[in-house]
């Protein structure tokens, strides 16, 4: 994707004005286990909040995640959670990124991309800044759209994507969206017929995914080319 051109950045003949990245397990490897640790903390919070076992908490959460974009949204809507800040402080402690270290190739790759970059995450801003700071790439993103910016109604809800797109002054067909969750990419693609989304499947978990899929971020280069000159 690092094909700079005086004409801009193009996918299938359409100019791309921004690349919108997911954060967790997309800009760093899933092998660090940060997402798994986060999931354990979520189960622990739900278990304590509802007074059930961690196993019951996991089952209850799993049963409603197709309805709600985030666990916090579910707890606030159905289980009386008022202080979402307490939830996020529990799920995202200060030491959450201690095991994370930068990929030396990530920053040069992102710097090579010839259009503005932004982030859309279902995590809070504090977490996003913490992770990006640890990766040494925070300054490369023009905007960070966190869960609060989405009105606590996260991906794959259409309004989550729309708020980000409206803020960027862009449409789904001119923004390339990259995420490691199939349902989140599909949610973006459902916005418009010309929406452009790519699944980042580092571990090869979704071989039957019907859309565009990559195993390394650098493979995004294959999706962008300068326009034909007539």
Protein backbone atom coordinates (compact mmCIF):
# COMPACT_ATOMS: atom_id res chain seq x y z
CA UNK A 1 0.00 0.00 0.00
CA UNK A 2 2.99 2.31 0.04
CA UNK A 3 2.63 3.44 -3.55
CA UNK A 4 2.66 7.23 -3.27
CA UNK A 5 1.29 9.03 -6.25
CA UNK A 6 0.65 12.62 -7.18
CA UNK A 7 -2.79 11.38 -8.16
CA UNK A 8 -3.58 9.95 -4.73
CA UNK A 9 -4.24 6.44 -3.42
CA UNK A 10 -6.60 4.21 -5.35
CA UNK A 11 -8.41 0.90 -4.92
CA UNK A 12 -10.13 -0.43 -8.02
CA UNK A 13 -10.05 3.03 -9.54
CA UNK A 14 -11.57 4.79 -6.50
CA UNK A 15 -9.57 7.32 -4.54
CA UNK A 16 -8.98 6.39 -0.90
CA UNK A 17 -8.78 9.38 1.41
CA UNK A 18 -8.09 7.56 4.70
CA UNK A 19 -7.21 4.17 6.13
CA UNK A 20 -9.18 3.37 9.29
CA UNK A 21 -7.53 0.76 11.51
CA UNK A 22 -8.79 -1.27 14.40
CA UNK A 23 -6.35 -1.24 17.34
CA UNK A 24 -6.19 -4.43 19.40
CA UNK A 25 -4.87 -7.56 17.66
CA UNK A 26 -4.52 -5.49 14.51
CA UNK A 27 -1.71 -2.99 15.11
CA UNK A 28 0.03 -5.51 17.35
CA UNK A 29 0.16 -9.29 17.22
CA UNK A 30 -2.47 -11.43 18.89
CA UNK A 31 0.43 -13.56 20.10
CA UNK A 32 1.13 -11.03 22.85
CA UNK A 33 -2.02 -12.27 24.57
CA UNK A 34 -3.29 -8.81 25.53
CA UNK A 35 -6.77 -9.53 24.20
CA UNK A 36 -6.97 -12.80 26.12
CA UNK A 37 -5.93 -11.05 29.33
CA UNK A 38 -8.49 -8.35 28.66
CA UNK A 39 -11.20 -10.99 28.16
CA UNK A 40 -10.31 -12.54 31.53
CA UNK A 41 -10.67 -9.18 33.24
CA UNK A 42 -14.02 -8.63 31.54
CA UNK A 43 -15.25 -12.02 32.76
CA UNK A 44 -14.02 -11.23 36.27
CA UNK A 45 -15.84 -7.88 36.29
CA UNK A 46 -19.08 -9.39 34.96
CA UNK A 47 -18.80 -12.26 37.45
CA UNK A 48 -18.42 -9.89 40.38
CA UNK A 49 -21.01 -7.42 39.13
CA UNK A 50 -23.69 -10.07 38.61
CA UNK A 51 -22.66 -12.34 41.46
CA UNK A 52 -22.18 -15.38 39.26
CA UNK A 53 -19.27 -17.69 38.48
CA UNK A 54 -16.77 -16.69 35.76
CA UNK A 55 -18.13 -19.53 33.62
CA UNK A 56 -21.68 -18.25 33.99
CA UNK A 57 -20.50 -14.73 33.29
CA UNK A 58 -18.84 -15.88 30.06
CA UNK A 59 -21.97 -17.72 28.95
CA UNK A 60 -24.24 -14.77 29.70
CA UNK A 61 -21.94 -12.37 27.90
CA UNK A 62 -21.64 -14.65 24.89
CA UNK A 63 -25.41 -14.87 24.58
CA UNK A 64 -25.85 -11.11 24.17
CA UNK A 65 -22.80 -9.95 22.23
CA UNK A 66 -24.64 -10.13 18.92
CA UNK A 67 -27.11 -7.61 20.31
CA UNK A 68 -24.60 -5.25 21.89
CA UNK A 69 -21.37 -3.85 20.56
CA UNK A 70 -19.58 -4.01 23.91
CA UNK A 71 -19.91 -5.61 27.33
CA UNK A 72 -20.21 -2.18 28.94
CA UNK A 73 -23.17 -1.36 26.71
CA UNK A 74 -24.89 -4.59 27.75
CA UNK A 75 -24.26 -4.05 31.46
CA UNK A 76 -25.46 -0.45 31.25
CA UNK A 77 -28.58 -1.35 29.27
CA UNK A 78 -29.69 -4.45 31.16
CA UNK A 79 -27.69 -4.90 34.36
CA UNK A 80 -27.72 -1.50 36.03
CA UNK A 81 -24.14 -0.40 35.39
CA UNK A 82 -23.94 3.36 35.88
CA UNK A 83 -20.22 3.95 36.30
CA UNK A 84 -18.71 2.85 33.00
CA UNK A 85 -15.46 4.43 34.13
CA UNK A 86 -15.14 1.83 36.87
CA UNK A 87 -15.66 -0.91 34.31
CA UNK A 88 -12.98 0.42 32.00
CA UNK A 89 -10.51 0.99 34.84
CA UNK A 90 -10.96 -2.64 35.83
CA UNK A 91 -10.62 -3.97 32.30
CA UNK A 92 -7.72 -1.69 31.36
CA UNK A 93 -5.30 -1.44 34.31
CA UNK A 94 -2.15 0.68 34.06
CA UNK A 95 0.09 -2.36 33.55
CA UNK A 96 -2.00 -3.92 30.76
CA UNK A 97 0.62 -3.24 28.07
CA UNK A 98 3.71 -4.26 30.04
CA UNK A 99 4.30 -7.34 27.88
CA UNK A 100 3.92 -5.43 24.63
CA UNK A 101 6.90 -4.26 22.64
CA UNK A 102 7.12 -2.49 19.27
CA UNK A 103 7.49 -4.28 15.98
CA UNK A 104 10.49 -2.54 14.38
CA UNK A 105 8.84 -2.75 10.97
CA UNK A 106 5.47 -1.32 11.96
CA UNK A 107 6.33 2.36 12.12
CA UNK A 108 8.18 2.45 8.78
CA UNK A 109 5.29 0.60 7.16
CA UNK A 110 2.68 2.99 8.52
CA UNK A 111 4.81 5.98 7.57
CA UNK A 112 4.97 4.65 4.03
CA UNK A 113 1.21 4.73 3.59
CA UNK A 114 0.35 7.71 1.39
CA UNK A 115 -2.88 8.85 3.01
CA UNK A 116 -4.00 9.87 6.52
CA UNK A 117 -4.47 7.13 9.10
CA UNK A 118 -7.08 6.93 11.86
CA UNK A 119 -8.21 4.40 14.46
CA UNK A 120 -11.66 3.07 15.34
CA UNK A 121 -11.67 1.01 18.53
CA UNK A 122 -14.24 -0.34 20.97
CA UNK A 123 -11.78 0.44 23.77
CA UNK A 124 -11.52 3.72 25.72
CA UNK A 125 -9.15 6.50 24.71
CA UNK A 126 -6.84 5.90 27.66
CA UNK A 127 -6.24 2.33 26.48
CA UNK A 128 -5.69 3.40 22.88
CA UNK A 129 -3.12 6.02 23.86
CA UNK A 130 -1.39 3.57 26.18
CA UNK A 131 -1.07 0.94 23.45
CA UNK A 132 -0.04 3.37 20.72
CA UNK A 133 2.51 4.95 23.04
CA UNK A 134 4.02 1.57 23.83
CA UNK A 135 4.18 0.81 20.10
CA UNK A 136 5.73 4.20 19.40
CA UNK A 137 3.22 5.15 16.71
CA UNK A 138 0.69 7.47 18.36
CA UNK A 139 1.78 10.46 16.31
CA UNK A 140 1.02 8.69 13.04
CA UNK A 141 -2.76 8.76 13.46
CA UNK A 142 -4.77 11.88 12.72
CA UNK A 143 -7.74 10.74 14.81
CA UNK A 144 -8.58 8.10 17.42
CA UNK A 145 -12.26 7.20 17.57
CA UNK A 146 -12.76 5.38 20.87
CA UNK A 147 -15.82 3.84 22.46
CA UNK A 148 -16.86 7.12 24.10
CA UNK A 149 -16.71 8.91 20.74
CA UNK A 150 -19.08 6.19 19.52
CA UNK A 151 -21.55 7.02 22.27
CA UNK A 152 -20.61 3.69 23.93
CA UNK A 153 -22.27 1.92 21.01
CA UNK A 154 -19.33 0.25 19.34
CA UNK A 155 -18.60 -1.82 16.27
CA UNK A 156 -20.38 -3.41 14.49
CA UNK A 157 -23.19 -0.92 15.02
CA UNK A 158 -23.57 1.29 11.92
CA UNK A 159 -23.52 4.47 13.99
CA UNK A 160 -20.06 3.63 15.29
CA UNK A 161 -18.62 3.67 11.78
CA UNK A 162 -20.75 6.60 10.68
CA UNK A 163 -19.55 8.87 13.47
CA UNK A 164 -15.97 8.20 12.47
CA UNK A 165 -16.67 8.70 8.77
CA UNK A 166 -18.60 11.91 9.36
CA UNK A 167 -15.77 13.27 11.46
CA UNK A 168 -13.31 12.43 8.69
CA UNK A 169 -15.62 13.99 6.10
CA UNK A 170 -15.56 10.74 4.16
CA UNK A 171 -17.77 7.97 2.84
CA UNK A 172 -17.41 4.16 3.18
CA UNK A 173 -16.25 3.91 -0.41
CA UNK A 174 -13.30 6.26 0.15
CA UNK A 175 -12.05 4.85 3.46
CA UNK A 176 -10.32 1.47 3.72
CA UNK A 177 -11.27 -0.23 7.01
CA UNK A 178 -8.99 -2.88 8.54
CA UNK A 179 -10.03 -5.06 11.50
CA UNK A 180 -9.29 -8.51 12.92
CA UNK A 181 -12.95 -9.33 13.66
CA UNK A 182 -15.03 -10.63 10.73
CA UNK A 183 -18.26 -9.22 12.16
CA UNK A 184 -16.71 -5.76 12.43
CA UNK A 185 -15.47 -5.80 8.84
CA UNK A 186 -18.84 -7.11 7.67
CA UNK A 187 -20.56 -4.34 9.63
CA UNK A 188 -18.50 -1.78 7.79
CA UNK A 189 -19.07 -3.36 4.40
CA UNK A 190 -22.82 -3.31 5.05
CA UNK A 191 -22.78 0.50 5.13
CA UNK A 192 -22.62 0.81 1.35
CA UNK A 193 -22.12 -1.25 -1.77
CA UNK A 194 -18.78 0.41 -2.44
CA UNK A 195 -17.50 0.19 1.16
CA UNK A 196 -13.96 -1.14 1.37
CA UNK A 197 -12.88 -3.41 4.22
CA UNK A 198 -10.15 -5.96 4.78
CA UNK A 199 -10.01 -8.66 7.44
CA UNK A 200 -6.66 -8.93 9.23
CA UNK A 201 -6.39 -12.67 9.96
CA UNK A 202 -2.90 -13.02 11.37
CA UNK A 203 -3.41 -16.50 12.81
CA UNK A 204 -5.43 -17.90 9.91
CA UNK A 205 -8.54 -18.35 12.04
CA UNK A 206 -11.00 -17.52 9.25
CA UNK A 207 -9.96 -19.39 6.09
CA UNK A 208 -13.55 -19.42 4.84
CA UNK A 209 -14.08 -15.67 5.20
CA UNK A 210 -15.66 -14.68 1.88
CA UNK A 211 -14.18 -11.20 1.61
CA UNK A 212 -10.74 -9.65 1.36
CA UNK A 213 -8.36 -11.15 3.93
CA UNK A 214 -4.68 -10.62 4.79
CA UNK A 215 -2.29 -12.29 7.22
CA UNK A 216 0.19 -9.42 7.48
CA UNK A 217 -0.47 -5.71 7.51
CA UNK A 218 2.13 -5.24 4.79
CA UNK A 219 -0.18 -7.15 2.45
CA UNK A 220 -2.39 -4.07 2.36
CA UNK A 221 -0.02 -2.84 -0.33
CA UNK A 222 -1.65 -5.24 -2.77
CA UNK A 223 -4.95 -3.37 -2.50
CA UNK A 224 -3.70 0.04 -3.52
CA UNK A 225 -2.37 1.21 -6.86
CA UNK A 226 -2.17 4.51 -8.69
CA UNK A 227 -4.92 5.20 -11.23
CA UNK A 228 -4.57 4.35 -14.85
CA UNK A 229 -3.25 7.23 -16.92
CA UNK A 230 -5.06 7.75 -20.18
